[in-house]
Amino acid sequence: MRPFHLAFPVSDLEATRRFYGDVMGCRIGRESPGAWIDFDLFGHQLSAHLRPASSAPEATGGVDGDAVPIPHFGVILRMDDWRSLAQRLEADPQTNWRLRPKVRFEGEPGEQATMFVLDPSGNALEFKAFADDAAIFAA
């Protein structure tokens, strides 16, 4: 599988650098001071571009009884990597949780570990893991 690329708006590049670089553990790639920073998010290229804050209200969608932020992006991790990331985020008192680590659809097709956080600019990220990757697209 080839890496994906996602460019997204942020309101503060230094807070973004701290969150993705220090808290999430992403390697920092190329950057243009005052304009954008590239991050390696589990092998995928995220480009954080400085833009004024959005005034759009937060929207949610229902998933297994939880209100989840829409839109959001993230990565499906191996279970060990998901647990390690959950521990990193739990250890940072500034983590802005939208849904703390949990298992959803327990005992059903598509059972998954999931968590949602907001970055310093309010972008919603979901990280999930499956005990068996064959369940990723289970119906």
N, C-alpha and C. Protein backbone atom coordinates (compact mmCIF):
# COMPACT_ATOMS: atom_id res chain seq x y z
N MET A 1 0.84 -1.17 0.00
CA MET A 1 0.00 0.00 0.00
C MET A 1 0.89 1.24 0.00
N ARG A 2 0.50 2.23 -0.78
CA ARG A 2 1.24 3.48 -0.85
C ARG A 2 0.76 4.43 0.23
N PRO A 3 1.64 5.31 0.74
CA PRO A 3 1.22 6.27 1.76
C PRO A 3 0.23 7.28 1.19
N PHE A 4 -0.66 7.76 2.03
CA PHE A 4 -1.55 8.84 1.61
C PHE A 4 -0.93 10.17 2.02
N HIS A 5 -1.45 11.24 1.42
CA HIS A 5 -1.04 12.61 1.74
C HIS A 5 -2.29 13.38 2.12
N LEU A 6 -2.21 14.12 3.22
CA LEU A 6 -3.33 14.95 3.64
C LEU A 6 -2.79 16.32 4.03
N ALA A 7 -3.30 17.36 3.39
CA ALA A 7 -2.98 18.74 3.77
C ALA A 7 -4.19 19.26 4.55
N PHE A 8 -3.92 19.88 5.71
CA PHE A 8 -5.02 20.34 6.56
C PHE A 8 -4.64 21.66 7.22
N PRO A 9 -5.66 22.45 7.60
CA PRO A 9 -5.38 23.76 8.18
C PRO A 9 -5.09 23.69 9.67
N VAL A 10 -4.18 24.56 10.12
CA VAL A 10 -3.89 24.70 11.54
C VAL A 10 -3.80 26.19 11.86
N SER A 11 -4.05 26.54 13.10
CA SER A 11 -4.03 27.95 13.50
C SER A 11 -2.74 28.36 14.20
N ASP A 12 -1.90 27.39 14.59
CA ASP A 12 -0.66 27.69 15.32
C ASP A 12 0.37 26.62 14.97
N LEU A 13 1.39 26.99 14.20
CA LEU A 13 2.37 26.00 13.76
C LEU A 13 3.20 25.43 14.90
N GLU A 14 3.57 26.24 15.89
CA GLU A 14 4.40 25.72 16.98
C GLU A 14 3.61 24.77 17.88
N ALA A 15 2.34 25.07 18.16
CA ALA A 15 1.50 24.14 18.92
C ALA A 15 1.30 22.85 18.13
N THR A 16 1.18 22.98 16.82
CA THR A 16 1.03 21.81 15.95
C THR A 16 2.31 20.97 15.97
N ARG A 17 3.47 21.63 15.91
CA ARG A 17 4.76 20.91 15.97
C ARG A 17 4.86 20.13 17.28
N ARG A 18 4.49 20.76 18.40
CA ARG A 18 4.56 20.09 19.69
C ARG A 18 3.64 18.87 19.73
N PHE A 19 2.39 19.04 19.29
CA PHE A 19 1.43 17.96 19.36
C PHE A 19 1.84 16.78 18.47
N TYR A 20 2.07 17.04 17.19
CA TYR A 20 2.39 15.94 16.27
C TYR A 20 3.81 15.42 16.47
N GLY A 21 4.76 16.31 16.75
CA GLY A 21 6.15 15.89 16.92
C GLY A 21 6.43 15.31 18.29
N ASP A 22 6.12 16.06 19.35
CA ASP A 22 6.48 15.62 20.70
C ASP A 22 5.46 14.64 21.29
N VAL A 23 4.18 14.96 21.22
CA VAL A 23 3.16 14.12 21.85
C VAL A 23 2.89 12.86 21.02
N MET A 24 2.62 13.04 19.72
CA MET A 24 2.29 11.90 18.86
C MET A 24 3.54 11.12 18.43
N GLY A 25 4.71 11.75 18.48
CA GLY A 25 5.95 11.06 18.10
C GLY A 25 6.19 11.01 16.61
N CYS A 26 5.58 11.91 15.85
CA CYS A 26 5.76 11.95 14.39
C CYS A 26 7.10 12.59 14.05
N ARG A 27 7.79 12.00 13.08
CA ARG A 27 9.02 12.60 12.56
C ARG A 27 8.62 13.83 11.75
N ILE A 28 9.40 14.90 11.91
CA ILE A 28 9.14 16.13 11.17
C ILE A 28 9.95 16.09 9.88
N GLY A 29 9.27 16.39 8.79
CA GLY A 29 9.92 16.41 7.48
C GLY A 29 10.22 17.83 7.04
N ARG A 30 9.96 18.10 5.77
CA ARG A 30 10.22 19.43 5.24
C ARG A 30 9.26 20.44 5.86
N GLU A 31 9.68 21.70 5.83
CA GLU A 31 8.81 22.76 6.33
C GLU A 31 9.19 24.08 5.69
N SER A 32 8.25 24.99 5.70
CA SER A 32 8.46 26.36 5.26
C SER A 32 8.08 27.24 6.44
N PRO A 33 9.05 27.85 7.11
CA PRO A 33 8.75 28.62 8.33
C PRO A 33 7.61 29.62 8.11
N GLY A 34 6.66 29.58 9.03
CA GLY A 34 5.51 30.47 8.96
C GLY A 34 4.45 30.06 7.97
N ALA A 35 4.63 28.92 7.29
CA ALA A 35 3.67 28.50 6.26
C ALA A 35 3.15 27.07 6.47
N TRP A 36 4.05 26.08 6.56
CA TRP A 36 3.62 24.69 6.68
C TRP A 36 4.72 23.81 7.26
N ILE A 37 4.30 22.63 7.77
CA ILE A 37 5.20 21.60 8.29
C ILE A 37 4.67 20.25 7.82
N ASP A 38 5.57 19.39 7.34
CA ASP A 38 5.21 18.01 7.00
C ASP A 38 5.54 17.09 8.18
N PHE A 39 4.65 16.15 8.45
CA PHE A 39 4.85 15.16 9.50
C PHE A 39 4.70 13.76 8.91
N ASP A 40 5.46 12.82 9.45
CA ASP A 40 5.35 11.40 9.11
C ASP A 40 4.44 10.76 10.14
N LEU A 41 3.18 10.53 9.77
CA LEU A 41 2.20 9.91 10.65
C LEU A 41 2.07 8.44 10.26
N PHE A 42 2.83 7.58 10.93
CA PHE A 42 2.81 6.14 10.67
C PHE A 42 3.01 5.86 9.18
N GLY A 43 3.96 6.58 8.56
CA GLY A 43 4.30 6.35 7.16
C GLY A 43 3.49 7.17 6.17
N HIS A 44 2.59 8.00 6.65
CA HIS A 44 1.76 8.83 5.77
C HIS A 44 2.16 10.29 5.93
N GLN A 45 2.04 11.07 4.86
CA GLN A 45 2.49 12.46 4.88
C GLN A 45 1.34 13.40 5.23
N LEU A 46 1.48 14.05 6.38
CA LEU A 46 0.54 15.10 6.79
C LEU A 46 1.22 16.44 6.57
N SER A 47 0.52 17.36 5.93
CA SER A 47 1.04 18.71 5.71
C SER A 47 0.15 19.69 6.44
N ALA A 48 0.67 20.25 7.52
CA ALA A 48 -0.07 21.21 8.33
C ALA A 48 0.20 22.60 7.79
N HIS A 49 -0.84 23.25 7.26
CA HIS A 49 -0.72 24.57 6.66
C HIS A 49 -1.35 25.62 7.56
N LEU A 50 -0.60 26.68 7.83
CA LEU A 50 -1.10 27.76 8.68
C LEU A 50 -2.25 28.48 7.98
N ARG A 51 -3.40 28.49 8.64
CA ARG A 51 -4.60 29.16 8.14
C ARG A 51 -5.34 29.74 9.32
N PRO A 52 -6.09 30.83 9.11
CA PRO A 52 -6.90 31.37 10.21
C PRO A 52 -7.89 30.32 10.73
N ALA A 53 -8.24 30.44 11.99
CA ALA A 53 -9.18 29.50 12.61
C ALA A 53 -10.52 29.52 11.88
N SER A 54 -11.12 28.36 11.76
CA SER A 54 -12.43 28.23 11.14
C SER A 54 -13.51 28.57 12.16
N SER A 55 -14.57 29.17 11.68
CA SER A 55 -15.68 29.49 12.58
C SER A 55 -16.81 28.47 12.47
N ALA A 56 -16.57 27.41 11.73
CA ALA A 56 -17.61 26.39 11.56
C ALA A 56 -17.84 25.65 12.88
N PRO A 57 -19.10 25.42 13.24
CA PRO A 57 -19.38 24.67 14.46
C PRO A 57 -18.98 23.21 14.29
N GLU A 58 -18.66 22.56 15.42
CA GLU A 58 -18.30 21.15 15.37
C GLU A 58 -19.53 20.32 15.05
N ALA A 59 -19.40 19.42 14.10
CA ALA A 59 -20.49 18.51 13.75
C ALA A 59 -20.12 17.11 14.24
N THR A 60 -21.12 16.30 14.50
CA THR A 60 -20.87 14.93 14.95
C THR A 60 -21.76 13.96 14.18
N GLY A 61 -21.35 12.71 14.22
CA GLY A 61 -22.13 11.60 13.68
C GLY A 61 -22.18 10.51 14.73
N GLY A 62 -23.21 9.70 14.69
CA GLY A 62 -23.35 8.64 15.67
C GLY A 62 -22.71 7.34 15.21
N VAL A 63 -21.88 6.75 16.06
CA VAL A 63 -21.26 5.46 15.79
C VAL A 63 -21.31 4.64 17.07
N ASP A 64 -22.03 3.55 17.05
CA ASP A 64 -22.12 2.63 18.18
C ASP A 64 -22.43 3.36 19.49
N GLY A 65 -23.34 4.33 19.41
CA GLY A 65 -23.77 5.04 20.61
C GLY A 65 -22.90 6.23 21.01
N ASP A 66 -21.82 6.49 20.27
CA ASP A 66 -20.95 7.62 20.58
C ASP A 66 -21.14 8.71 19.53
N ALA A 67 -21.04 9.97 19.95
CA ALA A 67 -21.02 11.10 19.03
C ALA A 67 -19.57 11.33 18.64
N VAL A 68 -19.25 11.12 17.36
CA VAL A 68 -17.88 11.27 16.89
C VAL A 68 -17.78 12.51 16.00
N PRO A 69 -16.64 13.22 16.06
CA PRO A 69 -16.48 14.43 15.26
C PRO A 69 -16.47 14.13 13.76
N ILE A 70 -17.15 14.95 13.01
CA ILE A 70 -17.17 14.86 11.55
C ILE A 70 -16.82 16.25 11.02
N PRO A 71 -15.81 16.41 10.18
CA PRO A 71 -14.93 15.37 9.64
C PRO A 71 -13.84 14.98 10.63
N HIS A 72 -13.18 13.88 10.33
CA HIS A 72 -12.00 13.45 11.07
C HIS A 72 -11.12 12.61 10.15
N PHE A 73 -9.86 12.43 10.56
CA PHE A 73 -8.96 11.56 9.82
C PHE A 73 -8.12 10.81 10.83
N GLY A 74 -7.42 9.78 10.37
CA GLY A 74 -6.59 9.02 11.28
C GLY A 74 -5.95 7.85 10.57
N VAL A 75 -5.50 6.89 11.37
CA VAL A 75 -4.80 5.73 10.84
C VAL A 75 -5.30 4.48 11.55
N ILE A 76 -5.43 3.39 10.80
CA ILE A 76 -5.69 2.08 11.39
C ILE A 76 -4.33 1.48 11.73
N LEU A 77 -4.10 1.28 13.01
CA LEU A 77 -2.81 0.81 13.51
C LEU A 77 -2.85 -0.67 13.86
N ARG A 78 -1.68 -1.25 14.05
CA ARG A 78 -1.60 -2.57 14.67
C ARG A 78 -1.97 -2.38 16.14
N MET A 79 -2.52 -3.40 16.77
CA MET A 79 -3.02 -3.26 18.14
C MET A 79 -1.92 -2.80 19.10
N ASP A 80 -0.70 -3.32 18.97
CA ASP A 80 0.38 -2.88 19.86
C ASP A 80 0.70 -1.41 19.67
N ASP A 81 0.71 -0.94 18.42
CA ASP A 81 0.96 0.47 18.14
C ASP A 81 -0.17 1.34 18.68
N TRP A 82 -1.42 0.85 18.57
CA TRP A 82 -2.57 1.59 19.10
C TRP A 82 -2.44 1.75 20.61
N ARG A 83 -2.10 0.66 21.30
CA ARG A 83 -1.93 0.73 22.76
C ARG A 83 -0.81 1.69 23.15
N SER A 84 0.30 1.67 22.41
CA SER A 84 1.43 2.57 22.71
C SER A 84 1.01 4.03 22.51
N LEU A 85 0.29 4.31 21.43
CA LEU A 85 -0.17 5.67 21.19
C LEU A 85 -1.17 6.10 22.26
N ALA A 86 -2.07 5.22 22.64
CA ALA A 86 -3.04 5.53 23.71
C ALA A 86 -2.30 5.90 24.99
N GLN A 87 -1.24 5.17 25.32
CA GLN A 87 -0.46 5.48 26.52
C GLN A 87 0.22 6.84 26.41
N ARG A 88 0.78 7.15 25.23
CA ARG A 88 1.42 8.46 25.02
C ARG A 88 0.42 9.59 25.23
N LEU A 89 -0.77 9.42 24.65
CA LEU A 89 -1.80 10.46 24.75
C LEU A 89 -2.34 10.58 26.17
N GLU A 90 -2.54 9.44 26.82
CA GLU A 90 -3.03 9.46 28.21
C GLU A 90 -2.02 10.15 29.13
N ALA A 91 -0.72 10.04 28.82
CA ALA A 91 0.32 10.61 29.66
C ALA A 91 0.45 12.12 29.50
N ASP A 92 -0.12 12.67 28.43
CA ASP A 92 -0.01 14.11 28.20
C ASP A 92 -1.26 14.80 28.75
N PRO A 93 -1.11 15.62 29.79
CA PRO A 93 -2.28 16.26 30.40
C PRO A 93 -2.99 17.24 29.47
N GLN A 94 -2.34 17.64 28.36
CA GLN A 94 -2.97 18.57 27.43
C GLN A 94 -3.75 17.87 26.32
N THR A 95 -3.77 16.55 26.30
CA THR A 95 -4.52 15.85 25.26
C THR A 95 -5.98 16.25 25.34
N ASN A 96 -6.52 16.66 24.21
CA ASN A 96 -7.91 17.09 24.11
C ASN A 96 -8.75 15.92 23.59
N TRP A 97 -9.25 15.13 24.52
CA TRP A 97 -10.00 13.91 24.18
C TRP A 97 -11.40 14.24 23.68
N ARG A 98 -11.84 13.54 22.64
CA ARG A 98 -13.23 13.54 22.23
C ARG A 98 -13.85 12.19 22.54
N LEU A 99 -13.03 11.15 22.52
CA LEU A 99 -13.47 9.81 22.93
C LEU A 99 -12.23 9.07 23.42
N ARG A 100 -12.22 8.77 24.71
CA ARG A 100 -11.06 8.06 25.28
C ARG A 100 -10.99 6.64 24.72
N PRO A 101 -9.81 6.02 24.82
CA PRO A 101 -9.64 4.67 24.26
C PRO A 101 -10.70 3.69 24.76
N LYS A 102 -11.28 2.97 23.80
CA LYS A 102 -12.32 1.99 24.12
C LYS A 102 -12.43 0.98 22.99
N VAL A 103 -13.18 -0.09 23.24
CA VAL A 103 -13.50 -1.08 22.22
C VAL A 103 -14.95 -0.89 21.85
N ARG A 104 -15.21 -0.80 20.53
CA ARG A 104 -16.59 -0.68 20.07
C ARG A 104 -16.95 -1.89 19.21
N PHE A 105 -18.24 -2.09 19.06
CA PHE A 105 -18.78 -3.25 18.33
C PHE A 105 -18.26 -4.57 18.92
N GLU A 106 -18.11 -4.59 20.25
CA GLU A 106 -17.56 -5.76 20.92
C GLU A 106 -18.37 -7.00 20.59
N GLY A 107 -17.67 -8.08 20.15
CA GLY A 107 -18.30 -9.34 19.82
C GLY A 107 -19.04 -9.35 18.50
N GLU A 108 -18.95 -8.25 17.74
CA GLU A 108 -19.64 -8.14 16.45
C GLU A 108 -18.62 -8.04 15.32
N PRO A 109 -19.08 -8.22 14.06
CA PRO A 109 -18.15 -7.97 12.94
C PRO A 109 -17.66 -6.52 13.03
N GLY A 110 -16.38 -6.32 12.80
CA GLY A 110 -15.83 -4.98 12.86
C GLY A 110 -15.42 -4.52 14.24
N GLU A 111 -15.38 -5.44 15.22
CA GLU A 111 -14.93 -5.05 16.57
C GLU A 111 -13.59 -4.34 16.46
N GLN A 112 -13.47 -3.20 17.16
CA GLN A 112 -12.27 -2.39 17.03
C GLN A 112 -11.99 -1.58 18.29
N ALA A 113 -10.71 -1.34 18.51
CA ALA A 113 -10.27 -0.39 19.53
C ALA A 113 -10.25 0.97 18.83
N THR A 114 -10.71 2.01 19.52
CA THR A 114 -10.76 3.34 18.91
C THR A 114 -10.52 4.42 19.95
N MET A 115 -10.10 5.59 19.47
CA MET A 115 -9.98 6.78 20.30
C MET A 115 -9.98 7.99 19.37
N PHE A 116 -10.49 9.11 19.89
CA PHE A 116 -10.53 10.37 19.15
C PHE A 116 -9.89 11.47 19.98
N VAL A 117 -9.04 12.27 19.34
CA VAL A 117 -8.45 13.45 19.96
C VAL A 117 -8.57 14.62 18.99
N LEU A 118 -8.50 15.83 19.55
CA LEU A 118 -8.41 17.03 18.73
C LEU A 118 -6.98 17.56 18.80
N ASP A 119 -6.44 17.98 17.66
CA ASP A 119 -5.12 18.62 17.69
C ASP A 119 -5.30 20.06 18.17
N PRO A 120 -4.22 20.82 18.35
CA PRO A 120 -4.35 22.17 18.90
C PRO A 120 -5.21 23.13 18.05
N SER A 121 -5.44 22.80 16.78
CA SER A 121 -6.27 23.63 15.91
C SER A 121 -7.70 23.13 15.83
N GLY A 122 -8.02 22.07 16.57
CA GLY A 122 -9.37 21.53 16.57
C GLY A 122 -9.64 20.49 15.50
N ASN A 123 -8.60 20.03 14.77
CA ASN A 123 -8.78 18.95 13.80
C ASN A 123 -8.96 17.64 14.55
N ALA A 124 -9.98 16.90 14.18
CA ALA A 124 -10.29 15.63 14.86
C ALA A 124 -9.52 14.48 14.21
N LEU A 125 -8.90 13.66 15.07
CA LEU A 125 -8.17 12.48 14.62
C LEU A 125 -8.73 11.25 15.30
N GLU A 126 -8.90 10.18 14.53
CA GLU A 126 -9.29 8.89 15.09
C GLU A 126 -8.18 7.90 14.83
N PHE A 127 -7.85 7.13 15.84
CA PHE A 127 -6.90 6.03 15.70
C PHE A 127 -7.62 4.78 16.13
N LYS A 128 -7.54 3.75 15.29
CA LYS A 128 -8.23 2.50 15.60
C LYS A 128 -7.35 1.33 15.29
N ALA A 129 -7.73 0.17 15.83
CA ALA A 129 -7.00 -1.07 15.59
C ALA A 129 -7.99 -2.22 15.67
N PHE A 130 -7.70 -3.26 14.94
CA PHE A 130 -8.51 -4.47 14.91
C PHE A 130 -7.67 -5.65 15.36
N ALA A 131 -8.26 -6.56 16.11
CA ALA A 131 -7.55 -7.77 16.50
C ALA A 131 -7.17 -8.56 15.24
N ASP A 132 -8.02 -8.48 14.20
CA ASP A 132 -7.81 -9.17 12.94
C ASP A 132 -8.11 -8.17 11.82
N ASP A 133 -7.10 -7.83 11.03
CA ASP A 133 -7.30 -6.84 9.96
C ASP A 133 -8.35 -7.28 8.93
N ALA A 134 -8.69 -8.56 8.88
CA ALA A 134 -9.75 -9.01 7.97
C ALA A 134 -11.09 -8.38 8.37
N ALA A 135 -11.20 -7.87 9.60
CA ALA A 135 -12.45 -7.27 10.06
C ALA A 135 -12.58 -5.79 9.66
N ILE A 136 -11.54 -5.21 9.05
CA ILE A 136 -11.59 -3.79 8.72
C ILE A 136 -12.81 -3.47 7.85
N PHE A 137 -13.11 -4.29 6.89
CA PHE A 137 -14.25 -4.05 6.00
C PHE A 137 -15.37 -5.06 6.22
N ALA A 138 -15.42 -5.66 7.42
CA ALA A 138 -16.46 -6.65 7.72
C ALA A 138 -17.84 -6.00 7.65
N ALA A 139 -18.77 -6.74 7.11
CA ALA A 139 -20.15 -6.23 6.99
C ALA A 139 -21.01 -6.76 8.12
